N, C-alpha and C. Protein backbone atom coordinates (compact mmCIF):
# COMPACT_ATOMS: atom_id res chain seq x y z
N MET A 1 35.63 60.07 20.38
CA MET A 1 36.20 59.68 19.12
C MET A 1 35.71 58.25 18.75
N LEU A 2 35.29 58.18 17.49
CA LEU A 2 34.72 56.89 17.04
C LEU A 2 35.85 55.91 16.72
N PRO A 3 35.66 54.64 16.90
CA PRO A 3 36.65 53.65 16.56
C PRO A 3 36.72 53.48 15.02
N ILE A 4 37.73 52.78 14.56
CA ILE A 4 37.82 52.49 13.13
C ILE A 4 36.62 51.66 12.82
N VAL A 5 35.93 52.04 11.75
CA VAL A 5 34.69 51.39 11.34
C VAL A 5 34.91 50.53 10.08
N ALA A 6 34.33 49.37 10.18
CA ALA A 6 34.48 48.39 8.99
C ALA A 6 33.45 48.69 7.97
N GLY A 7 32.39 49.31 8.31
CA GLY A 7 31.26 49.56 7.28
C GLY A 7 30.01 49.93 7.94
N PHE A 8 28.86 49.85 7.18
CA PHE A 8 27.60 50.21 7.66
C PHE A 8 26.74 48.93 7.74
N ASP A 9 25.88 48.88 8.69
CA ASP A 9 25.03 47.81 8.95
C ASP A 9 23.56 48.05 8.55
N TRP A 10 23.21 47.68 7.38
CA TRP A 10 21.88 47.87 6.80
C TRP A 10 21.13 46.51 6.74
N ASP A 11 19.88 46.55 7.07
CA ASP A 11 19.05 45.37 6.88
C ASP A 11 17.55 45.80 6.81
N ASP A 12 16.70 44.82 6.78
CA ASP A 12 15.25 45.13 6.69
C ASP A 12 14.68 45.81 7.91
N GLY A 13 15.48 45.80 9.00
CA GLY A 13 15.00 46.39 10.26
C GLY A 13 15.24 47.85 10.31
N ASN A 14 16.42 48.31 9.86
CA ASN A 14 16.73 49.76 9.95
C ASN A 14 16.51 50.56 8.67
N TRP A 15 16.65 49.91 7.51
CA TRP A 15 16.53 50.75 6.27
C TRP A 15 15.13 51.33 6.11
N PRO A 16 14.06 50.58 6.30
CA PRO A 16 12.72 51.19 6.10
C PRO A 16 12.54 52.43 7.04
N LYS A 17 12.97 52.34 8.29
CA LYS A 17 12.79 53.45 9.19
C LYS A 17 13.62 54.66 8.70
N CYS A 18 14.83 54.43 8.26
CA CYS A 18 15.68 55.57 7.79
C CYS A 18 15.19 56.11 6.50
N GLY A 19 14.71 55.21 5.65
CA GLY A 19 14.29 55.70 4.29
C GLY A 19 12.95 56.35 4.22
N LYS A 20 12.14 56.20 5.24
CA LYS A 20 10.74 56.69 5.15
C LYS A 20 10.68 58.20 5.04
N HIS A 21 11.72 58.93 5.41
CA HIS A 21 11.74 60.41 5.34
C HIS A 21 12.37 60.86 4.03
N GLY A 22 12.70 59.94 3.11
CA GLY A 22 13.19 60.30 1.79
C GLY A 22 14.69 60.44 1.66
N VAL A 23 15.41 60.22 2.76
CA VAL A 23 16.88 60.31 2.75
C VAL A 23 17.40 59.02 2.23
N SER A 24 18.34 59.03 1.25
CA SER A 24 18.86 57.82 0.67
C SER A 24 19.99 57.25 1.55
N ARG A 25 20.33 56.02 1.30
CA ARG A 25 21.42 55.35 1.98
C ARG A 25 22.75 56.11 1.74
N ASP A 26 22.99 56.51 0.48
CA ASP A 26 24.16 57.27 0.12
C ASP A 26 24.29 58.53 0.88
N GLU A 27 23.19 59.23 1.00
CA GLU A 27 23.17 60.50 1.79
C GLU A 27 23.52 60.27 3.28
N ILE A 28 22.87 59.23 3.84
CA ILE A 28 23.11 58.96 5.23
C ILE A 28 24.58 58.57 5.47
N GLU A 29 25.10 57.67 4.64
CA GLU A 29 26.49 57.26 4.78
C GLU A 29 27.45 58.41 4.58
N TYR A 30 27.19 59.26 3.65
CA TYR A 30 28.02 60.44 3.42
C TYR A 30 28.03 61.39 4.60
N VAL A 31 26.86 61.73 5.12
CA VAL A 31 26.82 62.67 6.23
C VAL A 31 27.56 62.11 7.45
N ILE A 32 27.42 60.77 7.73
CA ILE A 32 28.16 60.24 8.87
C ILE A 32 29.68 60.22 8.52
N SER A 33 30.01 59.83 7.35
CA SER A 33 31.47 59.71 7.03
C SER A 33 32.21 61.07 7.05
N VAL A 34 31.52 62.23 6.83
CA VAL A 34 32.22 63.46 6.88
C VAL A 34 31.79 64.35 8.07
N ALA A 35 31.21 63.72 9.09
CA ALA A 35 30.67 64.42 10.27
C ALA A 35 31.75 65.23 10.89
N ARG A 36 31.41 66.52 11.19
CA ARG A 36 32.33 67.42 11.89
C ARG A 36 32.22 67.25 13.43
N PHE A 37 31.11 66.74 13.84
CA PHE A 37 30.90 66.47 15.27
C PHE A 37 29.84 65.41 15.45
N VAL A 38 30.02 64.64 16.51
CA VAL A 38 29.06 63.60 16.87
C VAL A 38 28.77 63.77 18.36
N VAL A 39 27.47 63.73 18.74
CA VAL A 39 27.08 63.81 20.13
C VAL A 39 26.31 62.62 20.58
N ASP A 40 26.23 62.40 21.85
CA ASP A 40 25.35 61.32 22.42
C ASP A 40 23.91 61.59 22.12
N ASP A 41 23.20 60.50 21.85
CA ASP A 41 21.75 60.59 21.63
C ASP A 41 21.12 60.00 22.92
N PRO A 42 20.22 60.75 23.56
CA PRO A 42 19.66 60.27 24.84
C PRO A 42 18.65 59.12 24.66
N ASN A 43 19.24 57.89 24.58
CA ASN A 43 18.35 56.70 24.46
C ASN A 43 18.63 55.74 25.62
N PRO A 44 17.59 55.45 26.42
CA PRO A 44 17.81 54.65 27.60
C PRO A 44 18.17 53.17 27.35
N GLY A 45 17.87 52.66 26.16
CA GLY A 45 18.11 51.26 25.94
C GLY A 45 19.42 50.85 25.38
N GLU A 46 19.98 51.81 24.59
CA GLU A 46 21.24 51.42 23.89
C GLU A 46 22.01 52.75 23.61
N LYS A 47 23.33 52.68 23.74
CA LYS A 47 24.11 53.91 23.46
C LYS A 47 24.01 54.20 22.02
N ARG A 48 23.51 55.39 21.77
CA ARG A 48 23.39 55.86 20.38
C ARG A 48 24.02 57.24 20.26
N LEU A 49 24.32 57.57 19.01
CA LEU A 49 24.98 58.80 18.75
C LEU A 49 24.13 59.53 17.63
N ARG A 50 24.42 60.87 17.51
CA ARG A 50 23.73 61.63 16.42
C ARG A 50 24.67 62.57 15.82
N THR A 51 24.39 62.94 14.58
CA THR A 51 25.16 63.89 13.93
C THR A 51 24.21 64.59 12.91
N VAL A 52 24.67 65.74 12.40
CA VAL A 52 24.00 66.50 11.42
C VAL A 52 25.01 66.94 10.38
N GLY A 53 24.61 67.11 9.12
CA GLY A 53 25.53 67.62 8.16
C GLY A 53 24.85 67.82 6.80
N ARG A 54 25.67 68.10 5.85
CA ARG A 54 25.16 68.38 4.52
C ARG A 54 25.56 67.24 3.54
N THR A 55 24.64 66.92 2.67
CA THR A 55 24.95 65.89 1.67
C THR A 55 25.75 66.54 0.55
N LYS A 56 26.17 65.71 -0.40
CA LYS A 56 26.98 66.21 -1.49
C LYS A 56 26.17 67.27 -2.33
N PHE A 57 24.84 67.18 -2.24
CA PHE A 57 24.02 68.06 -2.96
C PHE A 57 23.49 69.26 -2.16
N GLY A 58 24.10 69.42 -0.90
CA GLY A 58 23.79 70.58 -0.05
C GLY A 58 22.54 70.41 0.81
N ARG A 59 21.91 69.24 0.82
CA ARG A 59 20.73 69.09 1.70
C ARG A 59 21.23 68.74 3.06
N TYR A 60 20.47 69.31 4.10
CA TYR A 60 20.88 69.14 5.51
C TYR A 60 20.14 67.92 6.05
N VAL A 61 20.90 67.07 6.78
CA VAL A 61 20.40 65.75 7.24
C VAL A 61 20.74 65.58 8.73
N PHE A 62 19.80 65.05 9.52
CA PHE A 62 20.03 64.64 10.89
C PHE A 62 20.01 63.16 10.82
N VAL A 63 21.01 62.50 11.55
CA VAL A 63 21.10 61.04 11.56
C VAL A 63 21.40 60.61 13.04
N ALA A 64 20.66 59.60 13.46
CA ALA A 64 20.86 58.89 14.74
C ALA A 64 21.43 57.53 14.38
N PHE A 65 22.43 57.10 15.07
CA PHE A 65 23.05 55.77 14.73
C PHE A 65 23.65 55.11 15.99
N ALA A 66 23.91 53.87 15.91
CA ALA A 66 24.57 53.11 16.94
C ALA A 66 25.84 52.45 16.32
N LEU A 67 26.80 52.15 17.21
CA LEU A 67 28.01 51.42 16.77
C LEU A 67 27.79 49.98 17.26
N ARG A 68 27.90 49.02 16.36
CA ARG A 68 27.71 47.66 16.74
C ARG A 68 29.07 46.95 16.46
N GLU A 69 29.48 46.19 17.48
CA GLU A 69 30.71 45.46 17.30
C GLU A 69 30.41 44.02 16.82
N LYS A 70 31.07 43.60 15.73
CA LYS A 70 30.93 42.26 15.22
C LYS A 70 32.26 41.60 15.20
N GLU A 71 32.34 40.39 14.81
CA GLU A 71 33.62 39.67 14.87
C GLU A 71 34.74 40.35 14.02
N ASP A 72 34.38 41.01 12.98
CA ASP A 72 35.37 41.66 12.08
C ASP A 72 35.48 43.13 12.26
N GLY A 73 34.93 43.73 13.32
CA GLY A 73 35.03 45.10 13.56
C GLY A 73 33.80 45.79 13.95
N PHE A 74 33.91 47.13 14.02
CA PHE A 74 32.75 47.94 14.38
C PHE A 74 32.00 48.37 13.10
N TYR A 75 30.68 48.44 13.18
CA TYR A 75 29.79 48.84 12.13
C TYR A 75 28.92 49.96 12.62
N ILE A 76 28.63 50.88 11.70
CA ILE A 76 27.67 51.92 12.02
C ILE A 76 26.30 51.48 11.55
N ARG A 77 25.36 51.48 12.53
CA ARG A 77 24.04 51.04 12.23
C ARG A 77 23.14 52.26 12.31
N PRO A 78 22.73 52.86 11.15
CA PRO A 78 21.86 54.00 11.21
C PRO A 78 20.49 53.57 11.80
N ILE A 79 20.01 54.42 12.66
CA ILE A 79 18.69 54.14 13.34
C ILE A 79 17.58 54.99 12.78
N SER A 80 17.84 56.27 12.53
CA SER A 80 16.90 57.16 12.00
C SER A 80 17.52 58.30 11.21
N ALA A 81 16.92 58.78 10.14
CA ALA A 81 17.48 59.88 9.39
C ALA A 81 16.36 60.70 8.83
N ARG A 82 16.59 62.03 8.78
CA ARG A 82 15.63 62.89 8.18
C ARG A 82 16.23 64.17 7.78
N TYR A 83 15.56 64.89 6.85
CA TYR A 83 16.05 66.19 6.44
C TYR A 83 15.72 67.17 7.64
N MET A 84 16.65 68.12 7.81
CA MET A 84 16.54 69.03 8.88
C MET A 84 15.56 70.17 8.59
N HIS A 85 14.95 70.70 9.66
CA HIS A 85 13.97 71.82 9.52
C HIS A 85 14.78 73.16 9.46
N ARG A 86 14.13 74.18 9.02
CA ARG A 86 14.78 75.49 8.85
C ARG A 86 15.49 75.93 10.10
N LYS A 87 14.90 75.87 11.30
CA LYS A 87 15.55 76.38 12.49
C LYS A 87 16.75 75.47 12.82
N GLU A 88 16.65 74.21 12.57
CA GLU A 88 17.83 73.36 12.81
C GLU A 88 18.99 73.70 11.88
N ILE A 89 18.67 73.99 10.69
CA ILE A 89 19.70 74.44 9.66
C ILE A 89 20.38 75.69 10.11
N GLU A 90 19.56 76.64 10.59
CA GLU A 90 20.13 77.90 11.06
C GLU A 90 21.12 77.67 12.22
N GLN A 91 20.69 76.81 13.15
CA GLN A 91 21.54 76.50 14.32
C GLN A 91 22.83 75.79 13.86
N TYR A 92 22.68 74.84 12.91
CA TYR A 92 23.82 74.15 12.40
C TYR A 92 24.79 75.12 11.77
N GLU A 93 24.28 76.02 10.93
CA GLU A 93 25.21 76.97 10.26
C GLU A 93 25.93 77.84 11.25
N LYS A 94 25.27 78.25 12.28
CA LYS A 94 25.88 79.07 13.36
C LYS A 94 27.02 78.28 14.05
N GLU A 95 26.74 76.99 14.34
CA GLU A 95 27.74 76.16 15.00
C GLU A 95 28.96 75.85 14.07
N VAL A 96 28.71 75.61 12.85
CA VAL A 96 29.79 75.41 11.92
C VAL A 96 30.64 76.62 11.77
N ALA A 97 30.02 77.81 11.70
CA ALA A 97 30.78 79.09 11.61
C ALA A 97 31.61 79.29 12.87
N ARG A 98 31.03 78.90 14.08
CA ARG A 98 31.76 79.05 15.34
C ARG A 98 32.97 78.19 15.32
N LEU A 99 32.85 76.93 14.79
CA LEU A 99 33.96 75.98 14.79
C LEU A 99 35.05 76.31 13.80
N ALA A 100 34.74 77.17 12.79
CA ALA A 100 35.72 77.44 11.67
C ALA A 100 36.77 78.32 12.18
C-alpha cells in the first residue's frame, strides 16, 4: 500500500526520460493515480515500483516510479514511461478481467 502522497516530483532529470516515448505528464500522473495494482520494479540501486493502466483516452501506459520522502510528505517521482506493446495490452486485459 502506498503512503499518502503530496504530489509528483518532476524536474529536468526525470521529465525528458519519461517524455521521450511520447507519453505526457498528464497521462503519467493519471495512470499512477488510478492504478489498480502496483508491483515492485527490480532495480538494485533504489526501491522502485511499476504500474500499468489506461489513460483517459484509452491508451495503455507502463510507468516505473519511485517514492521520495521530503520534508512535507511523500512524492511520486516518475522514472520511465512508455506506451505498452500489443502483447502487454493483452496480458493487462486478462489480468484486469481476472481481478473484476
